Amino acid sequence: MPDTSDHVLESVEEHHVVAWLLSELKGMDPKDERFDAKVTVLIENVRHHVKEEEEDWFPQVREALGRNRLQELGERMEKAKAEAPSDPLALASARQ
């Protein structure tokens, strides 16, 4: 596996920013002058995060793990979904 510690820490912080923005937007009136700006920042953050993962991170992981291990991890993740919060604002990072 490639060294993941820096990427994981950055990824956690990016997820935190998204949850934080969502929590702010939830309580805002869409007519608020800052609402559209916050939505734009949210969209830009998510697009940047997805692009970074798809272009940089995922290819390295695919190469390092191989098809069988990725399939196994995918199956474990699918099972874990049943216990995962469905509301992103229920995550601890949204409250901190």
Protein backbone atom coordinates (compact mmCIF):
# COMPACT_ATOMS: atom_id res chain seq x y z
CA MET A 1 0.00 0.00 0.00
CA PRO A 2 1.14 3.54 -0.62
CA ASP A 3 1.65 5.71 2.45
CA THR A 4 -1.87 6.83 3.35
CA SER A 5 -1.51 8.82 6.55
CA ASP A 6 -1.35 12.30 4.99
CA HIS A 7 -4.13 11.56 2.53
CA VAL A 8 -6.39 10.10 5.20
CA LEU A 9 -5.92 13.11 7.47
CA GLU A 10 -6.63 15.50 4.60
CA SER A 11 -9.67 13.48 3.58
CA VAL A 12 -11.08 13.51 7.10
CA GLU A 13 -10.72 17.30 7.21
CA GLU A 14 -12.40 17.67 3.81
CA HIS A 15 -15.32 15.53 5.01
CA HIS A 16 -15.50 17.66 8.14
CA VAL A 17 -15.72 20.87 6.08
CA VAL A 18 -18.57 19.41 4.01
CA ALA A 19 -20.48 18.32 7.13
CA TRP A 20 -19.90 21.73 8.72
CA LEU A 21 -21.17 23.57 5.63
CA LEU A 22 -24.23 21.30 5.47
CA SER A 23 -24.97 21.99 9.13
CA GLU A 24 -24.77 25.74 8.49
CA LEU A 25 -26.94 25.55 5.38
CA LYS A 26 -29.57 23.50 7.20
CA GLY A 27 -30.26 26.40 9.54
CA MET A 28 -30.10 29.17 6.93
CA ASP A 29 -32.83 30.86 5.01
CA PRO A 30 -32.15 30.37 1.27
CA LYS A 31 -32.78 34.09 0.87
CA ASP A 32 -29.82 34.89 3.13
CA GLU A 33 -27.17 36.74 1.12
CA ARG A 34 -24.54 34.16 2.14
CA PHE A 35 -26.60 31.08 1.22
CA ASP A 36 -25.61 30.88 -2.46
CA ALA A 37 -21.95 31.52 -1.61
CA LYS A 38 -21.96 28.67 0.92
CA VAL A 39 -23.61 26.32 -1.58
CA THR A 40 -20.97 27.25 -4.17
CA VAL A 41 -18.16 26.56 -1.69
CA LEU A 42 -19.78 23.25 -0.78
CA ILE A 43 -20.02 22.20 -4.43
CA GLU A 44 -16.43 23.23 -5.13
CA ASN A 45 -15.16 21.34 -2.10
CA VAL A 46 -17.00 18.14 -3.02
CA ARG A 47 -15.88 18.32 -6.67
CA HIS A 48 -12.26 18.88 -5.61
CA HIS A 49 -12.43 15.98 -3.16
CA VAL A 50 -13.96 13.58 -5.68
CA LYS A 51 -11.48 14.56 -8.41
CA GLU A 52 -8.54 14.10 -6.07
CA GLU A 53 -9.74 10.66 -5.00
CA GLU A 54 -10.65 9.44 -8.47
CA GLU A 55 -7.52 10.72 -10.23
CA ASP A 56 -4.83 10.38 -7.57
CA TRP A 57 -5.83 8.16 -4.72
CA PHE A 58 -8.04 5.39 -6.13
CA PRO A 59 -5.60 4.36 -8.91
CA GLN A 60 -2.84 3.89 -6.31
CA VAL A 61 -5.12 1.83 -4.08
CA ARG A 62 -6.34 -0.30 -7.01
CA GLU A 63 -2.79 -1.05 -8.02
CA ALA A 64 -1.64 -1.86 -4.50
CA LEU A 65 -4.59 -4.01 -3.45
CA GLY A 66 -5.70 -5.81 -6.60
CA ARG A 67 -9.15 -6.91 -7.70
CA ASN A 68 -9.83 -9.64 -5.12
CA ARG A 69 -8.93 -7.54 -2.08
CA LEU A 70 -10.96 -4.59 -3.41
CA GLN A 71 -13.95 -6.89 -3.93
CA GLU A 72 -13.62 -8.13 -0.35
CA LEU A 73 -13.42 -4.57 1.01
CA GLY A 74 -16.45 -3.56 -1.08
CA GLU A 75 -18.48 -6.40 0.41
CA ARG A 76 -17.45 -5.41 3.95
CA MET A 77 -18.39 -1.78 3.25
CA GLU A 78 -21.77 -2.82 1.89
CA LYS A 79 -22.50 -4.70 5.13
CA ALA A 80 -21.31 -1.75 7.23
CA LYS A 81 -23.77 0.61 5.51
CA ALA A 82 -26.58 -0.85 7.61
CA GLU A 83 -24.95 0.52 10.75
CA ALA A 84 -23.68 3.81 9.32
CA PRO A 85 -25.58 7.04 9.95
CA SER A 86 -27.68 8.05 6.95
CA ASP A 87 -27.76 11.70 7.98
CA PRO A 88 -24.40 13.43 7.41
CA LEU A 89 -25.28 15.87 10.17
CA ALA A 90 -25.43 12.97 12.66
CA LEU A 91 -21.67 12.50 12.25
CA ALA A 92 -19.49 13.71 15.10
CA SER A 93 -17.55 15.94 12.70
CA ALA A 94 -20.71 17.93 11.96
CA ARG A 95 -21.08 18.83 15.63
CA GLN A 96 -17.51 19.86 16.39
